[in-house]
Amino acid sequence: MKNLLIVDDEVLLAEGLHDTLAEAFVGRLQVFCCYSAERALEIADNVQIDILLTDINMPDCSGLELHRRLQEKQPDCRVIYLTGYSEFEYARTALEQHAFAYVLKGEGDGVVISTIERALSADGTEPAGEQTPPREADSSPNWLPALNNYICAHLDGDLSLNQLANFCHFHPVYLSRAYKEASGVTLSDYISQARLERAKQLLQSSRFTVQEISHMTGFATDNYFCRWFRKNTGITPHAYRRSGQKYKR
């Protein structure tokens, strides 16, 4: 059995990912979780880490620095960056350090699961550092409405940065920057808001169960969906549903 280490100073997010991934990869991955880079390096002194899923920007030590230091200990570890930031310099450094993948927070745990599946596969997608050179995005914002419509129509599917970049025919690194410049918000923030609005609509205007709604909005487990929903609204999905009571199946 291989080992996956999750590192994120956002405790709620880290624990939610731990529960989700431990369930998704039961019998295949042993999942560890910690909240700082220094603790991650301590774990790596005693455990072989096959996959590192780390926040790219933490207060004690960045994910970029953790990646560099971990590879001195365990050069075969595959690193997946998890970040709410879509700034160009972060993404460029990820490419230069040969990270396996770069996943934006808000894309949904289904995207994280599929990325880890690729990392586990011997014939998975090439690491990010070996991708073709970046191509600048078209300066025209005409692509933005089409991309937003695509996201809203595929909340239960693959909304990875690579998939969205393919849809727009942009390089992933440049799509992140171009989206922020064209819309004023990050791509991950838009996806997260679209999921939230869809979840609210379904909770108050349908008879779908909370578990069904969690899957329809891109979450692998309803437990993680409930924690995420409460973090973003202050109340549970069940409480939000009770406040509406307008069901239409």
C-alpha atoms as a PDB file:
ATOM      1  CA  MET A   1       0.000   0.000   0.000  1.00  0.00           C
ATOM      2  CA  LYS A   2       1.289   3.451  -0.923  1.00  0.00           C
ATOM      3  CA  ASN A   3       1.244   6.544   1.272  1.00  0.00           C
ATOM      4  CA  LEU A   4      -0.406   9.909   0.615  1.00  0.00           C
ATOM      5  CA  LEU A   5       0.397  12.947   2.751  1.00  0.00           C
ATOM      6  CA  ILE A   6      -1.974  15.946   2.849  1.00  0.00           C
ATOM      7  CA  VAL A   7      -0.504  19.227   4.092  1.00  0.00           C
ATOM      8  CA  ASP A   8      -2.653  22.336   4.526  1.00  0.00           C
ATOM      9  CA  ASP A   9      -2.843  24.932   7.293  1.00  0.00           C
ATOM     10  CA  GLU A  10      -6.618  25.150   6.739  1.00  0.00           C
ATOM     11  CA  VAL A  11      -7.544  22.440   9.213  1.00  0.00           C
ATOM     12  CA  LEU A  12     -11.142  22.019   8.037  1.00  0.00           C
ATOM     13  CA  LEU A  13     -10.058  21.564   4.435  1.00  0.00           C
ATOM     14  CA  ALA A  14      -7.246  19.170   5.334  1.00  0.00           C
ATOM     15  CA  GLU A  15      -9.480  16.993   7.519  1.00  0.00           C
ATOM     16  CA  GLY A  16     -12.216  16.959   4.884  1.00  0.00           C
ATOM     17  CA  LEU A  17      -9.749  15.823   2.239  1.00  0.00           C
ATOM     18  CA  HIS A  18      -8.373  13.192   4.601  1.00  0.00           C
ATOM     19  CA  ASP A  19     -11.816  11.666   5.137  1.00  0.00           C
ATOM     20  CA  THR A  20     -12.736  11.855   1.455  1.00  0.00           C
ATOM     21  CA  LEU A  21      -9.489  10.375   0.131  1.00  0.00           C
ATOM     22  CA  ALA A  22      -9.240   7.693   2.803  1.00  0.00           C
ATOM     23  CA  GLU A  23     -12.699   6.524   1.734  1.00  0.00           C
ATOM     24  CA  ALA A  24     -12.020   6.845  -2.003  1.00  0.00           C
ATOM     25  CA  PHE A  25      -8.721   4.928  -1.868  1.00  0.00           C
ATOM     26  CA  VAL A  26      -9.430   2.420   0.903  1.00  0.00           C
ATOM     27  CA  GLY A  27      -7.078  -0.552   0.575  1.00  0.00           C
ATOM     28  CA  ARG A  28      -4.893   1.352  -1.908  1.00  0.00           C
ATOM     29  CA  LEU A  29      -3.550   4.369  -0.032  1.00  0.00           C
ATOM     30  CA  GLN A  30      -2.704   5.077   3.572  1.00  0.00           C
ATOM     31  CA  VAL A  31      -3.629   8.721   4.057  1.00  0.00           C
ATOM     32  CA  PHE A  32      -1.738  10.977   6.463  1.00  0.00           C
ATOM     33  CA  CYS A  33      -2.709  14.549   7.288  1.00  0.00           C
ATOM     34  CA  CYS A  34      -0.915  17.455   8.957  1.00  0.00           C
ATOM     35  CA  TYR A  35      -1.162  21.227   9.104  1.00  0.00           C
ATOM     36  CA  SER A  36       2.389  22.496   8.601  1.00  0.00           C
ATOM     37  CA  ALA A  37       5.370  21.859   6.360  1.00  0.00           C
ATOM     38  CA  GLU A  38       7.661  21.219   9.321  1.00  0.00           C
ATOM     39  CA  ARG A  39       5.393  18.462  10.603  1.00  0.00           C
ATOM     40  CA  ALA A  40       5.241  17.007   7.099  1.00  0.00           C
ATOM     41  CA  LEU A  41       9.035  16.753   6.991  1.00  0.00           C
ATOM     42  CA  GLU A  42       9.020  15.019  10.372  1.00  0.00           C
ATOM     43  CA  ILE A  43       6.566  12.443   9.027  1.00  0.00           C
ATOM     44  CA  ALA A  44       8.744  11.981   5.942  1.00  0.00           C
ATOM     45  CA  ASP A  45      11.662  11.040   8.183  1.00  0.00           C
ATOM     46  CA  ASN A  46       9.762   7.911   9.224  1.00  0.00           C
ATOM     47  CA  VAL A  47       7.366   7.164   6.363  1.00  0.00           C
ATOM     48  CA  GLN A  48       7.892   6.757   2.623  1.00  0.00           C
ATOM     49  CA  ILE A  49       5.661   9.385   0.994  1.00  0.00           C
ATOM     50  CA  ASP A  50       4.572   8.365  -2.494  1.00  0.00           C
ATOM     51  CA  ILE A  51       2.227  11.293  -3.155  1.00  0.00           C
ATOM     52  CA  LEU A  52       2.303  14.719  -1.516  1.00  0.00           C
ATOM     53  CA  LEU A  53      -0.847  16.869  -1.745  1.00  0.00           C
ATOM     54  CA  THR A  54       0.141  20.253  -0.389  1.00  0.00           C
ATOM     55  CA  ASP A  55      -1.163  23.785  -0.173  1.00  0.00           C
ATOM     56  CA  ILE A  56       1.201  25.931  -2.209  1.00  0.00           C
ATOM     57  CA  ASN A  57       1.143  28.873   0.223  1.00  0.00           C
ATOM     58  CA  MET A  58       1.446  28.247   3.985  1.00  0.00           C
ATOM     59  CA  PRO A  59       2.660  30.659   6.675  1.00  0.00           C
ATOM     60  CA  ASP A  60       5.518  28.588   8.121  1.00  0.00           C
ATOM     61  CA  CYS A  61       6.956  27.228   4.875  1.00  0.00           C
ATOM     62  CA  SER A  62       5.505  27.373   1.376  1.00  0.00           C
ATOM     63  CA  GLY A  63       4.443  24.250  -0.471  1.00  0.00           C
ATOM     64  CA  LEU A  64       7.134  25.104  -2.999  1.00  0.00           C
ATOM     65  CA  GLU A  65       9.821  24.946  -0.322  1.00  0.00           C
ATOM     66  CA  LEU A  66       8.287  21.796   1.182  1.00  0.00           C
ATOM     67  CA  HIS A  67       8.411  20.199  -2.272  1.00  0.00           C
ATOM     68  CA  ARG A  68      12.112  21.047  -2.625  1.00  0.00           C
ATOM     69  CA  ARG A  69      13.063  19.809   0.842  1.00  0.00           C
ATOM     70  CA  LEU A  70      10.983  16.637   0.605  1.00  0.00           C
ATOM     71  CA  GLN A  71      12.544  15.671  -2.702  1.00  0.00           C
ATOM     72  CA  GLU A  72      15.971  15.855  -1.059  1.00  0.00           C
ATOM     73  CA  LYS A  73      14.744  13.096   1.259  1.00  0.00           C
ATOM     74  CA  GLN A  74      12.456  11.234  -1.137  1.00  0.00           C
ATOM     75  CA  PRO A  75      13.163  12.109  -4.777  1.00  0.00           C
ATOM     76  CA  ASP A  76      10.511   9.716  -6.167  1.00  0.00           C
ATOM     77  CA  CYS A  77       7.604  11.429  -4.396  1.00  0.00           C
ATOM     78  CA  ARG A  78       4.990  12.892  -6.764  1.00  0.00           C
ATOM     79  CA  VAL A  79       3.809  16.331  -5.717  1.00  0.00           C
ATOM     80  CA  ILE A  80       0.346  17.773  -6.339  1.00  0.00           C
ATOM     81  CA  TYR A  81      -0.134  21.439  -5.478  1.00  0.00           C
ATOM     82  CA  LEU A  82      -3.498  22.429  -4.005  1.00  0.00           C
ATOM     83  CA  THR A  83      -4.109  26.149  -3.972  1.00  0.00           C
ATOM     84  CA  GLY A  84      -6.692  28.870  -3.917  1.00  0.00           C
ATOM     85  CA  TYR A  85      -4.199  31.121  -5.641  1.00  0.00           C
ATOM     86  CA  SER A  86      -4.094  31.310  -9.419  1.00  0.00           C
ATOM     87  CA  GLU A  87      -1.279  33.839  -9.679  1.00  0.00           C
ATOM     88  CA  PHE A  88       1.070  33.266 -12.573  1.00  0.00           C
ATOM     89  CA  GLU A  89       4.321  33.173 -10.615  1.00  0.00           C
ATOM     90  CA  TYR A  90       3.069  30.371  -8.359  1.00  0.00           C
ATOM     91  CA  ALA A  91       2.077  28.315 -11.373  1.00  0.00           C
ATOM     92  CA  ARG A  92       5.342  28.985 -13.185  1.00  0.00           C
ATOM     93  CA  THR A  93       7.357  27.833 -10.156  1.00  0.00           C
ATOM     94  CA  ALA A  94       5.210  24.702  -9.958  1.00  0.00           C
ATOM     95  CA  LEU A  95       6.118  23.950 -13.562  1.00  0.00           C
ATOM     96  CA  GLU A  96       9.807  24.589 -12.970  1.00  0.00           C
ATOM     97  CA  GLN A  97       9.875  22.282  -9.944  1.00  0.00           C
ATOM     98  CA  HIS A  98       8.292  19.465 -11.978  1.00  0.00           C
ATOM     99  CA  ALA A  99       5.179  19.121  -9.891  1.00  0.00           C
ATOM    100  CA  PHE A 100       2.905  16.326 -11.051  1.00  0.00           C
ATOM    101  CA  ALA A 101      -0.190  18.532 -11.071  1.00  0.00           C
ATOM    102  CA  TYR A 102      -1.608  21.891  -9.994  1.00  0.00           C
ATOM    103  CA  VAL A 103      -5.199  21.789  -8.637  1.00  0.00           C
ATOM    104  CA  LEU A 104      -7.187  24.882  -7.713  1.00  0.00           C
ATOM    105  CA  LYS A 105      -9.200  24.819  -4.493  1.00  0.00           C
ATOM    106  CA  GLY A 106     -12.876  24.974  -5.359  1.00  0.00           C
ATOM    107  CA  GLU A 107     -12.609  22.580  -8.284  1.00  0.00           C
ATOM    108  CA  GLY A 108     -14.132  19.847  -6.096  1.00  0.00           C
ATOM    109  CA  ASP A 109     -12.787  16.722  -4.461  1.00  0.00           C
ATOM    110  CA  GLY A 110     -13.694  14.694  -7.552  1.00  0.00           C
ATOM    111  CA  VAL A 111     -10.927  16.519  -9.403  1.00  0.00           C
ATOM    112  CA  VAL A 112      -8.478  15.795  -6.583  1.00  0.00           C
ATOM    113  CA  ILE A 113      -9.424  12.106  -6.685  1.00  0.00           C
ATOM    114  CA  SER A 114      -8.938  11.858 -10.452  1.00  0.00           C
ATOM    115  CA  THR A 115      -5.572  13.623 -10.180  1.00  0.00           C
ATOM    116  CA  ILE A 116      -4.391  11.166  -7.543  1.00  0.00           C
ATOM    117  CA  GLU A 117      -5.616   8.301  -9.726  1.00  0.00           C
ATOM    118  CA  ARG A 118      -3.345   9.604 -12.466  1.00  0.00           C
ATOM    119  CA  ALA A 119      -0.442   9.869 -10.050  1.00  0.00           C
ATOM    120  CA  LEU A 120      -0.965   6.247  -9.010  1.00  0.00           C
ATOM    121  CA  SER A 121      -1.123   5.043 -12.583  1.00  0.00           C
ATOM    122  CA  ALA A 122       2.137   3.975 -14.214  1.00  0.00           C
ATOM    123  CA  ASP A 123       0.940   5.382 -17.536  1.00  0.00           C
ATOM    124  CA  GLY A 124      -0.655   8.559 -16.198  1.00  0.00           C
ATOM    125  CA  THR A 125      -0.375  12.004 -17.673  1.00  0.00           C
ATOM    126  CA  GLU A 126       3.104  13.484 -17.845  1.00  0.00           C
ATOM    127  CA  PRO A 127       4.181  15.671 -14.910  1.00  0.00           C
ATOM    128  CA  ALA A 128       3.388  19.343 -15.206  1.00  0.00           C
ATOM    129  CA  GLY A 129       7.047  20.223 -15.713  1.00  0.00           C
ATOM    130  CA  GLU A 130       7.128  18.249 -18.971  1.00  0.00           C
ATOM    131  CA  GLN A 131       4.124  19.853 -20.608  1.00  0.00           C
ATOM    132  CA  THR A 132       4.409  21.816 -23.808  1.00  0.00           C
ATOM    133  CA  PRO A 133       5.510  25.456 -23.429  1.00  0.00           C
ATOM    134  CA  PRO A 134       2.824  27.924 -22.341  1.00  0.00           C
ATOM    135  CA  ARG A 135       0.799  29.771 -24.954  1.00  0.00           C
ATOM    136  CA  GLU A 136      -0.589  33.178 -24.146  1.00  0.00           C
ATOM    137  CA  ALA A 137      -4.373  33.427 -23.874  1.00  0.00           C
ATOM    138  CA  ASP A 138      -6.264  35.586 -26.337  1.00  0.00           C
ATOM    139  CA  SER A 139      -6.540  39.068 -24.849  1.00  0.00           C
ATOM    140  CA  SER A 140     -10.193  39.210 -25.922  1.00  0.00           C
ATOM    141  CA  PRO A 141     -12.666  38.303 -23.124  1.00  0.00           C
ATOM    142  CA  ASN A 142     -15.112  36.707 -25.596  1.00  0.00           C
ATOM    143  CA  TRP A 143     -14.183  33.265 -24.293  1.00  0.00           C
ATOM    144  CA  LEU A 144     -15.259  34.123 -20.742  1.00  0.00           C
ATOM    145  CA  PRO A 145     -19.068  33.673 -21.015  1.00  0.00           C
ATOM    146  CA  ALA A 146     -18.611  30.353 -22.823  1.00  0.00           C
ATOM    147  CA  LEU A 147     -16.247  29.112 -20.111  1.00  0.00           C
ATOM    148  CA  ASN A 148     -18.580  30.215 -17.307  1.00  0.00           C
ATOM    149  CA  ASN A 149     -21.498  28.461 -19.011  1.00  0.00           C
ATOM    150  CA  TYR A 150     -19.395  25.324 -19.388  1.00  0.00           C
ATOM    151  CA  ILE A 151     -18.503  25.372 -15.681  1.00  0.00           C
ATOM    152  CA  CYS A 152     -22.137  25.770 -14.605  1.00  0.00           C
ATOM    153  CA  ALA A 153     -23.197  22.912 -16.890  1.00  0.00           C
ATOM    154  CA  HIS A 154     -20.486  20.548 -15.590  1.00  0.00           C
ATOM    155  CA  LEU A 155     -20.429  21.109 -11.830  1.00  0.00           C
ATOM    156  CA  ASP A 156     -20.635  17.347 -11.311  1.00  0.00           C
ATOM    157  CA  GLY A 157     -17.831  16.614 -13.776  1.00  0.00           C
ATOM    158  CA  ASP A 158     -14.192  17.327 -14.459  1.00  0.00           C
ATOM    159  CA  LEU A 159     -13.473  20.997 -13.766  1.00  0.00           C
ATOM    160  CA  SER A 160      -9.740  20.596 -13.439  1.00  0.00           C
ATOM    161  CA  LEU A 161      -7.546  23.401 -14.645  1.00  0.00           C
ATOM    162  CA  ASN A 162      -6.289  21.198 -17.469  1.00  0.00           C
ATOM    163  CA  GLN A 163      -9.830  20.359 -18.634  1.00  0.00           C
ATOM    164  CA  LEU A 164     -10.925  23.988 -18.609  1.00  0.00           C
ATOM    165  CA  ALA A 165      -7.760  25.035 -20.408  1.00  0.00           C
ATOM    166  CA  ASN A 166      -8.450  22.428 -23.094  1.00  0.00           C
ATOM    167  CA  PHE A 167     -11.963  23.793 -23.498  1.00  0.00           C
ATOM    168  CA  CYS A 168     -10.588  27.304 -24.065  1.00  0.00           C
ATOM    169  CA  HIS A 169      -7.556  26.131 -26.054  1.00  0.00           C
ATOM    170  CA  PHE A 170      -5.263  27.925 -23.599  1.00  0.00           C
ATOM    171  CA  HIS A 171      -2.328  26.722 -21.550  1.00  0.00           C
ATOM    172  CA  PRO A 172      -3.433  26.054 -17.920  1.00  0.00           C
ATOM    173  CA  VAL A 173      -0.969  28.542 -16.435  1.00  0.00           C
ATOM    174  CA  TYR A 174      -2.149  31.351 -18.678  1.00  0.00           C
ATOM    175  CA  LEU A 175      -5.823  30.507 -18.244  1.00  0.00           C
ATOM    176  CA  SER A 176      -5.517  31.139 -14.493  1.00  0.00           C
ATOM    177  CA  ARG A 177      -4.030  34.585 -15.049  1.00  0.00           C
ATOM    178  CA  ALA A 178      -6.313  35.494 -17.960  1.00  0.00           C
ATOM    179  CA  TYR A 179      -9.457  34.529 -16.030  1.00  0.00           C
ATOM    180  CA  LYS A 180      -8.525  36.737 -13.085  1.00  0.00           C
ATOM    181  CA  GLU A 181      -7.688  39.654 -15.382  1.00  0.00           C
ATOM    182  CA  ALA A 182     -10.907  39.285 -17.411  1.00  0.00           C
ATOM    183  CA  SER A 183     -13.370  38.648 -14.562  1.00  0.00           C
ATOM    184  CA  GLY A 184     -11.830  40.194 -11.454  1.00  0.00           C
ATOM    185  CA  VAL A 185     -12.108  36.936  -9.491  1.00  0.00           C
ATOM    186  CA  THR A 186     -10.038  33.770  -9.468  1.00  0.00           C
ATOM    187  CA  LEU A 187     -11.198  30.726 -11.372  1.00  0.00           C
ATOM    188  CA  SER A 188     -11.422  28.670  -8.192  1.00  0.00           C
ATOM    189  CA  ASP A 189     -13.576  31.336  -6.515  1.00  0.00           C
ATOM    190  CA  TYR A 190     -15.992  31.341  -9.460  1.00  0.00           C
ATOM    191  CA  ILE A 191     -16.283  27.543  -9.434  1.00  0.00           C
ATOM    192  CA  SER A 192     -16.867  27.509  -5.690  1.00  0.00           C
ATOM    193  CA  GLN A 193     -19.560  30.203  -5.958  1.00  0.00           C
ATOM    194  CA  ALA A 194     -21.247  28.360  -8.829  1.00  0.00           C
ATOM    195  CA  ARG A 195     -21.339  25.176  -6.736  1.00  0.00           C
ATOM    196  CA  LEU A 196     -22.786  27.069  -3.798  1.00  0.00           C
ATOM    197  CA  GLU A 197     -25.535  28.752  -5.822  1.00  0.00           C
ATOM    198  CA  ARG A 198     -26.470  25.433  -7.453  1.00  0.00           C
ATOM    199  CA  ALA A 199     -26.548  23.670  -4.088  1.00  0.00           C
ATOM    200  CA  LYS A 200     -28.778  26.379  -2.608  1.00  0.00           C
ATOM    201  CA  GLN A 201     -31.149  26.155  -5.575  1.00  0.00           C
ATOM    202  CA  LEU A 202     -31.444  22.375  -5.329  1.00  0.00           C
ATOM    203  CA  LEU A 203     -31.902  22.413  -1.567  1.00  0.00           C
ATOM    204  CA  GLN A 204     -34.835  24.813  -1.743  1.00  0.00           C
ATOM    205  CA  SER A 205     -36.501  23.809  -4.998  1.00  0.00           C
ATOM    206  CA  SER A 206     -36.134  20.022  -5.262  1.00  0.00           C
ATOM    207  CA  ARG A 207     -36.609  16.808  -3.318  1.00  0.00           C
ATOM    208  CA  PHE A 208     -33.131  15.495  -4.058  1.00  0.00           C
ATOM    209  CA  THR A 209     -31.385  14.234  -0.943  1.00  0.00           C
ATOM    210  CA  VAL A 210     -28.368  16.037   0.455  1.00  0.00           C
ATOM    211  CA  GLN A 211     -26.212  13.126  -0.699  1.00  0.00           C
ATOM    212  CA  GLU A 212     -27.594  13.422  -4.249  1.00  0.00           C
ATOM    213  CA  ILE A 213     -27.036  17.181  -4.252  1.00  0.00           C
ATOM    214  CA  SER A 214     -23.469  16.737  -3.045  1.00  0.00           C
ATOM    215  CA  HIS A 215     -22.719  14.523  -6.054  1.00  0.00           C
ATOM    216  CA  MET A 216     -24.568  16.867  -8.422  1.00  0.00           C
ATOM    217  CA  THR A 217     -22.336  19.732  -7.322  1.00  0.00           C
ATOM    218  CA  GLY A 218     -19.062  17.840  -7.589  1.00  0.00           C
ATOM    219  CA  PHE A 219     -18.423  16.406  -4.126  1.00  0.00           C
ATOM    220  CA  ALA A 220     -17.414  12.790  -3.629  1.00  0.00           C
ATOM    221  CA  THR A 221     -18.976  12.514  -0.157  1.00  0.00           C
ATOM    222  CA  ASP A 222     -21.917  14.233   1.497  1.00  0.00           C
ATOM    223  CA  ASN A 223     -19.933  14.657   4.744  1.00  0.00           C
ATOM    224  CA  TYR A 224     -17.371  16.859   3.042  1.00  0.00           C
ATOM    225  CA  PHE A 225     -20.158  18.715   1.190  1.00  0.00           C
ATOM    226  CA  CYS A 226     -21.933  19.454   4.475  1.00  0.00           C
ATOM    227  CA  ARG A 227     -18.758  20.805   6.078  1.00  0.00           C
ATOM    228  CA  TRP A 228     -18.007  22.905   2.997  1.00  0.00           C
ATOM    229  CA  PHE A 229     -21.584  24.254   2.820  1.00  0.00           C
ATOM    230  CA  ARG A 230     -21.589  25.228   6.490  1.00  0.00           C
ATOM    231  CA  LYS A 231     -18.203  26.940   6.143  1.00  0.00           C
ATOM    232  CA  ASN A 232     -19.552  29.056   3.277  1.00  0.00           C
ATOM    233  CA  THR A 233     -23.039  29.836   4.627  1.00  0.00           C
ATOM    234  CA  GLY A 234     -22.856  29.448   8.394  1.00  0.00           C
ATOM    235  CA  ILE A 235     -25.601  26.808   8.461  1.00  0.00           C
ATOM    236  CA  THR A 236     -25.968  23.167   7.448  1.00  0.00           C
ATOM    237  CA  PRO A 237     -27.620  22.086   4.183  1.00  0.00           C
ATOM    238  CA  HIS A 238     -30.510  20.589   6.166  1.00  0.00           C
ATOM    239  CA  ALA A 239     -31.103  23.877   8.014  1.00  0.00           C
ATOM    240  CA  TYR A 240     -30.952  25.804   4.756  1.00  0.00           C
ATOM    241  CA  ARG A 241     -33.480  23.431   3.216  1.00  0.00           C
ATOM    242  CA  ARG A 242     -35.865  23.857   6.143  1.00  0.00           C
ATOM    243  CA  SER A 243     -35.764  27.626   5.592  1.00  0.00           C
ATOM    244  CA  GLY A 244     -37.162  27.224   2.078  1.00  0.00           C
ATOM    245  CA  GLN A 245     -39.526  24.268   1.842  1.00  0.00           C
ATOM    246  CA  LYS A 246     -40.295  24.754  -1.881  1.00  0.00           C
ATOM    247  CA  TYR A 247     -39.797  21.319  -3.354  1.00  0.00           C
ATOM    248  CA  LYS A 248     -40.087  20.578  -7.057  1.00  0.00           C
ATOM    249  CA  ARG A 249     -38.678  17.249  -8.241  1.00  0.00           C
END
